[in-house]
Amino acid sequence: MACPGECVEMSSKGPGGAQPDAAGQSRGQDPIRIELADLLGGRREAIIVHNGSDYRLRVTSNGKLILTK
């Protein structure tokens, strides 16, 4: 998938390549914590690729997050 600017791709595997459990967390590990500013790099939206599908993570004008497919 091509996208304007920089795309961020995240794996469905957790840190260290561990398979996630049914709740999406890696077994035996705390969830990863990522600052939104670090993820977006000053932008208001990012494309997240999960299982071959693109999802758009967007910050609204009210500062809320919207994730759409």
N, C-alpha and C. Protein backbone atom coordinates (compact mmCIF):
# COMPACT_ATOMS: atom_id res chain seq x y z
N MET A 1 0.85 -1.18 0.00
CA MET A 1 0.00 0.00 0.00
C MET A 1 0.89 1.23 0.00
N ALA A 2 0.58 2.17 -0.86
CA ALA A 2 1.31 3.43 -0.88
C ALA A 2 0.48 4.48 -0.17
N CYS A 3 1.13 5.32 0.60
CA CYS A 3 0.42 6.40 1.26
C CYS A 3 1.28 7.64 1.21
N PRO A 4 0.65 8.81 1.18
CA PRO A 4 1.43 10.05 1.18
C PRO A 4 2.15 10.21 2.50
N GLY A 5 3.35 10.72 2.47
CA GLY A 5 4.10 10.92 3.71
C GLY A 5 4.64 9.61 4.24
N GLU A 6 4.66 9.50 5.53
CA GLU A 6 5.23 8.33 6.19
C GLU A 6 4.13 7.45 6.77
N CYS A 7 4.19 6.16 6.50
CA CYS A 7 3.24 5.20 7.06
C CYS A 7 3.89 4.49 8.23
N VAL A 8 3.08 4.13 9.19
CA VAL A 8 3.56 3.36 10.33
C VAL A 8 2.88 2.01 10.23
N GLU A 9 3.66 0.94 10.19
CA GLU A 9 3.09 -0.40 10.13
C GLU A 9 3.38 -1.12 11.44
N MET A 10 2.32 -1.70 12.01
CA MET A 10 2.46 -2.40 13.28
C MET A 10 2.10 -3.86 13.05
N SER A 11 2.78 -4.75 13.71
CA SER A 11 2.53 -6.17 13.58
C SER A 11 1.45 -6.61 14.54
N SER A 12 0.78 -7.71 14.21
CA SER A 12 -0.20 -8.26 15.14
C SER A 12 0.47 -9.02 16.26
N LYS A 13 1.77 -9.21 16.16
CA LYS A 13 2.51 -9.86 17.24
C LYS A 13 2.94 -8.79 18.24
N GLY A 14 3.04 -9.18 19.49
CA GLY A 14 3.45 -8.26 20.53
C GLY A 14 4.95 -8.06 20.56
N PRO A 15 5.44 -7.33 21.56
CA PRO A 15 6.87 -7.11 21.70
C PRO A 15 7.59 -8.45 21.79
N GLY A 16 8.71 -8.56 21.10
CA GLY A 16 9.49 -9.78 21.13
C GLY A 16 8.90 -10.88 20.26
N GLY A 17 7.87 -10.55 19.46
CA GLY A 17 7.28 -11.52 18.56
C GLY A 17 6.30 -12.47 19.21
N ALA A 18 5.90 -12.21 20.46
CA ALA A 18 4.96 -13.09 21.14
C ALA A 18 3.58 -12.99 20.52
N GLN A 19 2.89 -14.11 20.42
CA GLN A 19 1.54 -14.11 19.89
C GLN A 19 0.58 -13.49 20.89
N PRO A 20 -0.34 -12.63 20.45
CA PRO A 20 -1.29 -12.02 21.37
C PRO A 20 -2.35 -13.04 21.80
N ASP A 21 -2.94 -12.81 22.98
CA ASP A 21 -4.04 -13.65 23.44
C ASP A 21 -5.34 -13.13 22.85
N ALA A 22 -6.48 -13.67 23.28
CA ALA A 22 -7.78 -13.29 22.72
C ALA A 22 -8.08 -11.81 22.92
N ALA A 23 -7.52 -11.19 23.98
CA ALA A 23 -7.75 -9.77 24.24
C ALA A 23 -6.76 -8.89 23.48
N GLY A 24 -5.85 -9.49 22.71
CA GLY A 24 -4.90 -8.73 21.93
C GLY A 24 -3.60 -8.42 22.65
N GLN A 25 -3.45 -8.90 23.87
CA GLN A 25 -2.22 -8.65 24.62
C GLN A 25 -1.30 -9.86 24.52
N SER A 26 0.01 -9.60 24.49
CA SER A 26 0.98 -10.68 24.46
C SER A 26 0.93 -11.44 25.77
N ARG A 27 0.97 -12.72 25.68
CA ARG A 27 0.90 -13.55 26.88
C ARG A 27 2.09 -13.27 27.79
N GLY A 28 1.80 -13.01 29.06
CA GLY A 28 2.85 -12.82 30.05
C GLY A 28 3.55 -11.48 29.99
N GLN A 29 3.03 -10.54 29.21
CA GLN A 29 3.66 -9.23 29.10
C GLN A 29 2.62 -8.13 29.25
N ASP A 30 3.06 -7.01 29.80
CA ASP A 30 2.19 -5.83 29.88
C ASP A 30 2.01 -5.27 28.48
N PRO A 31 0.89 -4.59 28.23
CA PRO A 31 0.69 -3.98 26.90
C PRO A 31 1.75 -2.90 26.65
N ILE A 32 2.11 -2.75 25.39
CA ILE A 32 3.08 -1.72 25.02
C ILE A 32 2.42 -0.35 25.17
N ARG A 33 3.17 0.63 25.64
CA ARG A 33 2.66 1.99 25.83
C ARG A 33 3.39 2.90 24.85
N ILE A 34 2.63 3.55 23.99
CA ILE A 34 3.20 4.42 22.95
C ILE A 34 2.54 5.78 23.05
N GLU A 35 3.33 6.83 23.16
CA GLU A 35 2.80 8.19 23.15
C GLU A 35 2.26 8.48 21.76
N LEU A 36 1.06 9.01 21.67
CA LEU A 36 0.45 9.29 20.38
C LEU A 36 1.30 10.26 19.56
N ALA A 37 1.89 11.23 20.21
CA ALA A 37 2.75 12.20 19.51
C ALA A 37 3.94 11.48 18.85
N ASP A 38 4.47 10.45 19.51
CA ASP A 38 5.57 9.69 18.93
C ASP A 38 5.09 8.85 17.74
N LEU A 39 3.89 8.31 17.86
CA LEU A 39 3.34 7.48 16.80
C LEU A 39 3.02 8.33 15.56
N LEU A 40 2.40 9.46 15.77
CA LEU A 40 1.97 10.29 14.65
C LEU A 40 3.04 11.26 14.14
N GLY A 41 4.06 11.53 14.94
CA GLY A 41 5.14 12.40 14.48
C GLY A 41 4.67 13.79 14.08
N GLY A 42 3.73 14.36 14.84
CA GLY A 42 3.25 15.70 14.56
C GLY A 42 2.09 15.76 13.57
N ARG A 43 1.73 14.63 13.00
CA ARG A 43 0.60 14.59 12.08
C ARG A 43 -0.69 14.36 12.84
N ARG A 44 -1.83 14.45 12.15
CA ARG A 44 -3.14 14.24 12.78
C ARG A 44 -3.72 12.88 12.45
N GLU A 45 -3.05 12.11 11.57
CA GLU A 45 -3.56 10.78 11.26
C GLU A 45 -2.45 9.86 10.80
N ALA A 46 -2.72 8.56 10.92
CA ALA A 46 -1.77 7.53 10.49
C ALA A 46 -2.55 6.36 9.93
N ILE A 47 -1.93 5.61 9.04
CA ILE A 47 -2.50 4.38 8.52
C ILE A 47 -1.85 3.24 9.30
N ILE A 48 -2.69 2.38 9.88
CA ILE A 48 -2.21 1.21 10.60
C ILE A 48 -2.62 -0.01 9.79
N VAL A 49 -1.66 -0.90 9.49
CA VAL A 49 -1.93 -2.10 8.71
C VAL A 49 -2.06 -3.27 9.66
N HIS A 50 -3.21 -3.98 9.58
CA HIS A 50 -3.46 -5.13 10.44
C HIS A 50 -4.05 -6.25 9.59
N ASN A 51 -3.37 -7.39 9.56
CA ASN A 51 -3.82 -8.55 8.77
C ASN A 51 -4.11 -8.17 7.32
N GLY A 52 -3.28 -7.31 6.74
CA GLY A 52 -3.41 -6.93 5.35
C GLY A 52 -4.45 -5.85 5.06
N SER A 53 -5.13 -5.36 6.09
CA SER A 53 -6.12 -4.30 5.90
C SER A 53 -5.60 -2.99 6.48
N ASP A 54 -5.97 -1.89 5.83
CA ASP A 54 -5.57 -0.56 6.29
C ASP A 54 -6.62 0.02 7.22
N TYR A 55 -6.17 0.59 8.30
CA TYR A 55 -7.04 1.29 9.25
C TYR A 55 -6.48 2.69 9.43
N ARG A 56 -7.34 3.69 9.47
CA ARG A 56 -6.92 5.08 9.63
C ARG A 56 -7.17 5.51 11.07
N LEU A 57 -6.11 5.92 11.76
CA LEU A 57 -6.20 6.47 13.11
C LEU A 57 -6.11 7.98 12.97
N ARG A 58 -7.16 8.68 13.43
CA ARG A 58 -7.24 10.12 13.23
C ARG A 58 -7.55 10.83 14.55
N VAL A 59 -6.93 11.99 14.75
CA VAL A 59 -7.22 12.84 15.90
C VAL A 59 -8.21 13.90 15.44
N THR A 60 -9.35 13.99 16.13
CA THR A 60 -10.37 14.98 15.76
C THR A 60 -9.97 16.36 16.25
N SER A 61 -10.74 17.36 15.84
CA SER A 61 -10.48 18.73 16.29
C SER A 61 -10.73 18.87 17.79
N ASN A 62 -11.51 17.94 18.37
CA ASN A 62 -11.75 17.94 19.83
C ASN A 62 -10.73 17.13 20.60
N GLY A 63 -9.72 16.56 19.88
CA GLY A 63 -8.67 15.80 20.55
C GLY A 63 -9.04 14.35 20.83
N LYS A 64 -10.13 13.86 20.22
CA LYS A 64 -10.52 12.46 20.40
C LYS A 64 -9.93 11.64 19.28
N LEU A 65 -9.86 10.32 19.49
CA LEU A 65 -9.30 9.41 18.48
C LEU A 65 -10.41 8.66 17.78
N ILE A 66 -10.26 8.52 16.47
CA ILE A 66 -11.18 7.73 15.66
C ILE A 66 -10.34 6.74 14.85
N LEU A 67 -10.75 5.45 14.92
CA LEU A 67 -10.10 4.41 14.13
C LEU A 67 -11.14 3.87 13.16
N THR A 68 -10.86 3.99 11.84
CA THR A 68 -11.80 3.50 10.82
C THR A 68 -11.08 2.59 9.86
N LYS A 69 -11.86 1.70 9.26
CA LYS A 69 -11.30 0.78 8.27
C LYS A 69 -11.46 1.37 6.90
